[in-house]
């Protein structure tokens, strides 16, 4: 059963980026994150742990399939 809560998605994205920064640096891959939102709000209501797993998978795959010295834009 999902545990839906309201939280700042920017914090989650930054946390996952931080976890995988060393992996990206080893491959000389740059990760650039830009946030755009309505009314400067970055909150969502969802299952935070499940969203973090999705983000972790997306970042990991982006690093894995990006050429050396490449860029990942989120």
PDB file of N, CA and C in Angstrom:
ATOM      1  N   UNK A   1       0.842  -1.178   0.000  1.00  0.00           N
ATOM      2  CA  UNK A   1       0.000   0.000   0.000  1.00  0.00           C
ATOM      3  C   UNK A   1       0.891   1.246   0.000  1.00  0.00           C
ATOM      4  N   UNK A   2       0.671   2.171  -0.939  1.00  0.00           N
ATOM      5  CA  UNK A   2       1.523   3.353  -1.020  1.00  0.00           C
ATOM      6  C   UNK A   2       1.369   4.256   0.194  1.00  0.00           C
ATOM      7  N   UNK A   3       2.454   4.918   0.530  1.00  0.00           N
ATOM      8  CA  UNK A   3       2.473   5.862   1.643  1.00  0.00           C
ATOM      9  C   UNK A   3       2.600   7.262   1.059  1.00  0.00           C
ATOM     10  N   UNK A   4       1.493   7.822   0.597  1.00  0.00           N
ATOM     11  CA  UNK A   4       1.520   9.126  -0.048  1.00  0.00           C
ATOM     12  C   UNK A   4       1.692  10.253   0.966  1.00  0.00           C
ATOM     13  N   UNK A   5       2.688  11.099   0.710  1.00  0.00           N
ATOM     14  CA  UNK A   5       2.933  12.268   1.534  1.00  0.00           C
ATOM     15  C   UNK A   5       3.264  13.440   0.616  1.00  0.00           C
ATOM     16  N   UNK A   6       3.173  14.635   1.146  1.00  0.00           N
ATOM     17  CA  UNK A   6       3.556  15.827   0.405  1.00  0.00           C
ATOM     18  C   UNK A   6       5.002  16.143   0.774  1.00  0.00           C
ATOM     19  N   UNK A   7       5.850  16.327  -0.221  1.00  0.00           N
ATOM     20  CA  UNK A   7       7.258  16.623   0.037  1.00  0.00           C
ATOM     21  C   UNK A   7       7.841  17.421  -1.121  1.00  0.00           C
ATOM     22  N   UNK A   8       9.022  17.949  -0.897  1.00  0.00           N
ATOM     23  CA  UNK A   8       9.725  18.760  -1.888  1.00  0.00           C
ATOM     24  C   UNK A   8      10.490  17.841  -2.835  1.00  0.00           C
ATOM     25  N   UNK A   9      10.068  17.788  -4.086  1.00  0.00           N
ATOM     26  CA  UNK A   9      10.697  16.885  -5.056  1.00  0.00           C
ATOM     27  C   UNK A   9      12.133  17.314  -5.364  1.00  0.00           C
ATOM     28  N   UNK A  10      12.414  18.602  -5.266  1.00  0.00           N
ATOM     29  CA  UNK A  10      13.771  19.090  -5.528  1.00  0.00           C
ATOM     30  C   UNK A  10      14.764  18.430  -4.578  1.00  0.00           C
ATOM     31  N   UNK A  11      14.376  18.288  -3.327  1.00  0.00           N
ATOM     32  CA  UNK A  11      15.245  17.633  -2.340  1.00  0.00           C
ATOM     33  C   UNK A  11      15.517  16.191  -2.731  1.00  0.00           C
ATOM     34  N   UNK A  12      14.493  15.472  -3.163  1.00  0.00           N
ATOM     35  CA  UNK A  12      14.673  14.068  -3.575  1.00  0.00           C
ATOM     36  C   UNK A  12      15.591  13.954  -4.779  1.00  0.00           C
ATOM     37  N   UNK A  13      15.384  14.810  -5.767  1.00  0.00           N
ATOM     38  CA  UNK A  13      16.221  14.779  -6.965  1.00  0.00           C
ATOM     39  C   UNK A  13      17.674  15.072  -6.604  1.00  0.00           C
ATOM     40  N   UNK A  14      17.889  16.069  -5.754  1.00  0.00           N
ATOM     41  CA  UNK A  14      19.254  16.414  -5.340  1.00  0.00           C
ATOM     42  C   UNK A  14      19.910  15.289  -4.539  1.00  0.00           C
ATOM     43  N   UNK A  15      19.132  14.606  -3.694  1.00  0.00           N
ATOM     44  CA  UNK A  15      19.679  13.487  -2.910  1.00  0.00           C
ATOM     45  C   UNK A  15      20.149  12.354  -3.820  1.00  0.00           C
ATOM     46  N   UNK A  16      19.326  11.990  -4.785  1.00  0.00           N
ATOM     47  CA  UNK A  16      19.688  10.905  -5.695  1.00  0.00           C
ATOM     48  C   UNK A  16      20.891  11.311  -6.541  1.00  0.00           C
ATOM     49  N   UNK A  17      20.914  12.553  -6.996  1.00  0.00           N
ATOM     50  CA  UNK A  17      22.072  13.045  -7.750  1.00  0.00           C
ATOM     51  C   UNK A  17      23.335  12.915  -6.904  1.00  0.00           C
ATOM     52  N   UNK A  18      23.243  13.279  -5.635  1.00  0.00           N
ATOM     53  CA  UNK A  18      24.396  13.178  -4.735  1.00  0.00           C
ATOM     54  C   UNK A  18      24.875  11.750  -4.549  1.00  0.00           C
ATOM     55  N   UNK A  19      23.941  10.822  -4.476  1.00  0.00           N
ATOM     56  CA  UNK A  19      24.295   9.406  -4.309  1.00  0.00           C
ATOM     57  C   UNK A  19      25.093   8.899  -5.506  1.00  0.00           C
ATOM     58  N   UNK A  20      24.748   9.369  -6.702  1.00  0.00           N
ATOM     59  CA  UNK A  20      25.367   8.841  -7.923  1.00  0.00           C
ATOM     60  C   UNK A  20      26.461   9.734  -8.507  1.00  0.00           C
ATOM     61  N   UNK A  21      26.813  10.815  -7.812  1.00  0.00           N
ATOM     62  CA  UNK A  21      27.832  11.727  -8.342  1.00  0.00           C
ATOM     63  C   UNK A  21      29.182  11.058  -8.574  1.00  0.00           C
ATOM     64  N   UNK A  22      29.595  10.208  -7.653  1.00  0.00           N
ATOM     65  CA  UNK A  22      30.883   9.531  -7.820  1.00  0.00           C
ATOM     66  C   UNK A  22      30.882   8.634  -9.063  1.00  0.00           C
ATOM     67  N   UNK A  23      29.776   7.937  -9.277  1.00  0.00           N
ATOM     68  CA  UNK A  23      29.655   7.082 -10.458  1.00  0.00           C
ATOM     69  C   UNK A  23      29.738   7.923 -11.733  1.00  0.00           C
ATOM     70  N   UNK A  24      29.088   9.077 -11.727  1.00  0.00           N
ATOM     71  CA  UNK A  24      29.122   9.965 -12.897  1.00  0.00           C
ATOM     72  C   UNK A  24      30.525  10.528 -13.102  1.00  0.00           C
ATOM     73  N   UNK A  25      31.195  10.898 -12.026  1.00  0.00           N
ATOM     74  CA  UNK A  25      32.549  11.458 -12.139  1.00  0.00           C
ATOM     75  C   UNK A  25      33.529  10.426 -12.686  1.00  0.00           C
ATOM     76  N   UNK A  26      33.362   9.168 -12.294  1.00  0.00           N
ATOM     77  CA  UNK A  26      34.250   8.116 -12.784  1.00  0.00           C
ATOM     78  C   UNK A  26      34.161   7.983 -14.298  1.00  0.00           C
ATOM     79  N   UNK A  27      33.017   8.324 -14.851  1.00  0.00           N
ATOM     80  CA  UNK A  27      32.809   8.228 -16.294  1.00  0.00           C
ATOM     81  C   UNK A  27      32.923   9.600 -16.967  1.00  0.00           C
ATOM     82  N   UNK A  28      33.253  10.619 -16.174  1.00  0.00           N
ATOM     83  CA  UNK A  28      33.352  12.002 -16.667  1.00  0.00           C
ATOM     84  C   UNK A  28      32.040  12.471 -17.296  1.00  0.00           C
ATOM     85  N   UNK A  29      30.952  12.150 -16.634  1.00  0.00           N
ATOM     86  CA  UNK A  29      29.622  12.556 -17.084  1.00  0.00           C
ATOM     87  C   UNK A  29      29.132  13.678 -16.176  1.00  0.00           C
ATOM     88  N   UNK A  30      28.638  14.749 -16.775  1.00  0.00           N
ATOM     89  CA  UNK A  30      28.106  15.876 -16.019  1.00  0.00           C
ATOM     90  C   UNK A  30      26.592  15.751 -15.918  1.00  0.00           C
ATOM     91  N   UNK A  31      26.049  15.946 -14.712  1.00  0.00           N
ATOM     92  CA  UNK A  31      24.605  15.923 -14.511  1.00  0.00           C
ATOM     93  C   UNK A  31      24.147  17.337 -14.204  1.00  0.00           C
ATOM     94  N   UNK A  32      23.268  17.864 -15.038  1.00  0.00           N
ATOM     95  CA  UNK A  32      22.750  19.216 -14.866  1.00  0.00           C
ATOM     96  C   UNK A  32      21.247  19.130 -14.583  1.00  0.00           C
ATOM     97  N   UNK A  33      20.835  19.683 -13.444  1.00  0.00           N
ATOM     98  CA  UNK A  33      19.428  19.642 -13.047  1.00  0.00           C
ATOM     99  C   UNK A  33      18.883  21.064 -13.038  1.00  0.00           C
ATOM    100  N   UNK A  34      17.760  21.270 -13.726  1.00  0.00           N
ATOM    101  CA  UNK A  34      17.092  22.570 -13.736  1.00  0.00           C
ATOM    102  C   UNK A  34      15.638  22.357 -13.347  1.00  0.00           C
ATOM    103  N   UNK A  35      15.164  23.188 -12.453  1.00  0.00           N
ATOM    104  CA  UNK A  35      13.781  23.096 -12.018  1.00  0.00           C
ATOM    105  C   UNK A  35      12.973  24.262 -12.553  1.00  0.00           C
ATOM    106  N   UNK A  36      11.837  23.944 -13.107  1.00  0.00           N
ATOM    107  CA  UNK A  36      10.855  24.959 -13.462  1.00  0.00           C
ATOM    108  C   UNK A  36       9.550  24.523 -12.812  1.00  0.00           C
ATOM    109  N   UNK A  37       8.833  25.458 -12.294  1.00  0.00           N
ATOM    110  CA  UNK A  37       7.587  25.106 -11.624  1.00  0.00           C
ATOM    111  C   UNK A  37       6.638  26.290 -11.640  1.00  0.00           C
ATOM    112  N   UNK A  38       5.410  26.001 -11.311  1.00  0.00           N
ATOM    113  CA  UNK A  38       4.417  27.050 -11.198  1.00  0.00           C
ATOM    114  C   UNK A  38       4.486  27.645  -9.798  1.00  0.00           C
ATOM    115  N   UNK A  39       4.567  28.921  -9.712  1.00  0.00           N
ATOM    116  CA  UNK A  39       4.551  29.637  -8.436  1.00  0.00           C
ATOM    117  C   UNK A  39       5.723  29.246  -7.529  1.00  0.00           C
ATOM    118  N   UNK A  40       6.835  28.809  -8.105  1.00  0.00           N
ATOM    119  CA  UNK A  40       8.049  28.436  -7.355  1.00  0.00           C
ATOM    120  C   UNK A  40       7.807  27.344  -6.320  1.00  0.00           C
ATOM    121  N   UNK A  41       6.881  26.448  -6.580  1.00  0.00           N
ATOM    122  CA  UNK A  41       6.627  25.328  -5.674  1.00  0.00           C
ATOM    123  C   UNK A  41       7.164  24.053  -6.305  1.00  0.00           C
ATOM    124  N   UNK A  42       7.814  23.253  -5.492  1.00  0.00           N
ATOM    125  CA  UNK A  42       8.368  21.986  -5.967  1.00  0.00           C
ATOM    126  C   UNK A  42       7.793  20.816  -5.176  1.00  0.00           C
ATOM    127  N   UNK A  43       6.582  20.963  -4.680  1.00  0.00           N
ATOM    128  CA  UNK A  43       6.020  19.903  -3.856  1.00  0.00           C
ATOM    129  C   UNK A  43       5.137  18.972  -4.686  1.00  0.00           C
ATOM    130  N   UNK A  44       5.146  17.723  -4.273  1.00  0.00           N
ATOM    131  CA  UNK A  44       4.306  16.698  -4.887  1.00  0.00           C
ATOM    132  C   UNK A  44       3.703  15.846  -3.779  1.00  0.00           C
ATOM    133  N   UNK A  45       2.629  15.150  -4.105  1.00  0.00           N
ATOM    134  CA  UNK A  45       2.037  14.202  -3.165  1.00  0.00           C
ATOM    135  C   UNK A  45       2.108  12.827  -3.803  1.00  0.00           C
ATOM    136  N   UNK A  46       2.975  11.992  -3.259  1.00  0.00           N
ATOM    137  CA  UNK A  46       3.166  10.638  -3.782  1.00  0.00           C
ATOM    138  C   UNK A  46       3.933   9.827  -2.752  1.00  0.00           C
ATOM    139  N   UNK A  47       4.245   8.603  -3.094  1.00  0.00           N
ATOM    140  CA  UNK A  47       5.053   7.736  -2.231  1.00  0.00           C
ATOM    141  C   UNK A  47       6.523   8.103  -2.448  1.00  0.00           C
ATOM    142  N   UNK A  48       7.121   8.748  -1.475  1.00  0.00           N
ATOM    143  CA  UNK A  48       8.484   9.272  -1.611  1.00  0.00           C
ATOM    144  C   UNK A  48       9.505   8.171  -1.887  1.00  0.00           C
ATOM    145  N   UNK A  49       9.405   7.059  -1.200  1.00  0.00           N
ATOM    146  CA  UNK A  49      10.374   5.971  -1.394  1.00  0.00           C
ATOM    147  C   UNK A  49      10.291   5.387  -2.796  1.00  0.00           C
ATOM    148  N   UNK A  50       9.092   5.227  -3.308  1.00  0.00           N
ATOM    149  CA  UNK A  50       8.934   4.690  -4.664  1.00  0.00           C
ATOM    150  C   UNK A  50       9.445   5.682  -5.710  1.00  0.00           C
ATOM    151  N   UNK A  51       9.169   6.964  -5.488  1.00  0.00           N
ATOM    152  CA  UNK A  51       9.670   7.971  -6.416  1.00  0.00           C
ATOM    153  C   UNK A  51      11.201   8.005  -6.386  1.00  0.00           C
ATOM    154  N   UNK A  52      11.795   7.894  -5.211  1.00  0.00           N
ATOM    155  CA  UNK A  52      13.260   7.870  -5.119  1.00  0.00           C
ATOM    156  C   UNK A  52      13.836   6.673  -5.862  1.00  0.00           C
ATOM    157  N   UNK A  53      13.164   5.525  -5.805  1.00  0.00           N
ATOM    158  CA  UNK A  53      13.640   4.345  -6.533  1.00  0.00           C
ATOM    159  C   UNK A  53      13.582   4.587  -8.035  1.00  0.00           C
ATOM    160  N   UNK A  54      12.497   5.216  -8.497  1.00  0.00           N
ATOM    161  CA  UNK A  54      12.373   5.543  -9.928  1.00  0.00           C
ATOM    162  C   UNK A  54      13.490   6.498 -10.337  1.00  0.00           C
ATOM    163  N   UNK A  55      13.713   7.537  -9.544  1.00  0.00           N
ATOM    164  CA  UNK A  55      14.776   8.508  -9.851  1.00  0.00           C
ATOM    165  C   UNK A  55      16.147   7.848  -9.861  1.00  0.00           C
ATOM    166  N   UNK A  56      16.392   6.968  -8.897  1.00  0.00           N
ATOM    167  CA  UNK A  56      17.668   6.253  -8.832  1.00  0.00           C
ATOM    168  C   UNK A  56      17.871   5.425 -10.101  1.00  0.00           C
ATOM    169  N   UNK A  57      16.838   4.739 -10.548  1.00  0.00           N
ATOM    170  CA  UNK A  57      16.934   3.938 -11.773  1.00  0.00           C
ATOM    171  C   UNK A  57      17.174   4.815 -13.001  1.00  0.00           C
ATOM    172  N   UNK A  58      16.450   5.941 -13.087  1.00  0.00           N
ATOM    173  CA  UNK A  58      16.625   6.836 -14.235  1.00  0.00           C
ATOM    174  C   UNK A  58      18.040   7.404 -14.288  1.00  0.00           C
ATOM    175  N   UNK A  59      18.520   7.900 -13.158  1.00  0.00           N
ATOM    176  CA  UNK A  59      19.883   8.454 -13.103  1.00  0.00           C
ATOM    177  C   UNK A  59      20.915   7.380 -13.441  1.00  0.00           C
ATOM    178  N   UNK A  60      20.759   6.201 -12.845  1.00  0.00           N
ATOM    179  CA  UNK A  60      21.721   5.108 -13.090  1.00  0.00           C
ATOM    180  C   UNK A  60      21.769   4.742 -14.564  1.00  0.00           C
ATOM    181  N   UNK A  61      20.604   4.621 -15.190  1.00  0.00           N
ATOM    182  CA  UNK A  61      20.563   4.289 -16.612  1.00  0.00           C
ATOM    183  C   UNK A  61      21.124   5.418 -17.464  1.00  0.00           C
ATOM    184  N   UNK A  62      20.839   6.650 -17.086  1.00  0.00           N
ATOM    185  CA  UNK A  62      21.377   7.784 -17.840  1.00  0.00           C
ATOM    186  C   UNK A  62      22.902   7.781 -17.798  1.00  0.00           C
ATOM    187  N   UNK A  63      23.470   7.518 -16.633  1.00  0.00           N
ATOM    188  CA  UNK A  63      24.930   7.460 -16.511  1.00  0.00           C
ATOM    189  C   UNK A  63      25.473   6.291 -17.318  1.00  0.00           C
ATOM    190  N   UNK A  64      24.824   5.147 -17.193  1.00  0.00           N
ATOM    191  CA  UNK A  64      25.279   3.932 -17.878  1.00  0.00           C
ATOM    192  C   UNK A  64      25.293   4.101 -19.400  1.00  0.00           C
ATOM    193  N   UNK A  65      24.274   4.765 -19.957  1.00  0.00           N
ATOM    194  CA  UNK A  65      24.147   4.846 -21.400  1.00  0.00           C
ATOM    195  C   UNK A  65      24.613   6.169 -22.005  1.00  0.00           C
ATOM    196  N   UNK A  66      25.212   7.024 -21.191  1.00  0.00           N
ATOM    197  CA  UNK A  66      25.768   8.280 -21.705  1.00  0.00           C
ATOM    198  C   UNK A  66      27.252   8.067 -21.998  1.00  0.00           C
ATOM    199  N   UNK A  67      27.687   8.549 -23.142  1.00  0.00           N
ATOM    200  CA  UNK A  67      29.094   8.418 -23.519  1.00  0.00           C
ATOM    201  C   UNK A  67      29.999   9.172 -22.548  1.00  0.00           C
ATOM    202  N   UNK A  68      31.221   8.709 -22.460  1.00  0.00           N
ATOM    203  CA  UNK A  68      32.237   9.362 -21.636  1.00  0.00           C
ATOM    204  C   UNK A  68      32.287  10.846 -21.992  1.00  0.00           C
ATOM    205  N   UNK A  69      32.453  11.704 -20.987  1.00  0.00           N
ATOM    206  CA  UNK A  69      32.500  13.157 -21.151  1.00  0.00           C
ATOM    207  C   UNK A  69      31.168  13.722 -21.639  1.00  0.00           C
ATOM    208  N   UNK A  70      30.088  12.971 -21.453  1.00  0.00           N
ATOM    209  CA  UNK A  70      28.776  13.421 -21.891  1.00  0.00           C
ATOM    210  C   UNK A  70      28.047  14.235 -20.840  1.00  0.00           C
ATOM    211  N   UNK A  71      26.850  14.667 -21.179  1.00  0.00           N
ATOM    212  CA  UNK A  71      26.018  15.462 -20.291  1.00  0.00           C
ATOM    213  C   UNK A  71      24.651  14.823 -20.144  1.00  0.00           C
ATOM    214  N   UNK A  72      24.128  14.888 -18.915  1.00  0.00           N
ATOM    215  CA  UNK A  72      22.776  14.450 -18.625  1.00  0.00           C
ATOM    216  C   UNK A  72      22.014  15.673 -18.134  1.00  0.00           C
ATOM    217  N   UNK A  73      20.922  15.983 -18.805  1.00  0.00           N
ATOM    218  CA  UNK A  73      20.100  17.128 -18.420  1.00  0.00           C
ATOM    219  C   UNK A  73      18.769  16.641 -17.871  1.00  0.00           C
ATOM    220  N   UNK A  74      18.486  17.062 -16.664  1.00  0.00           N
ATOM    221  CA  UNK A  74      17.232  16.678 -15.995  1.00  0.00           C
ATOM    222  C   UNK A  74      16.419  17.934 -15.800  1.00  0.00           C
TER     223      UNK A  74
END
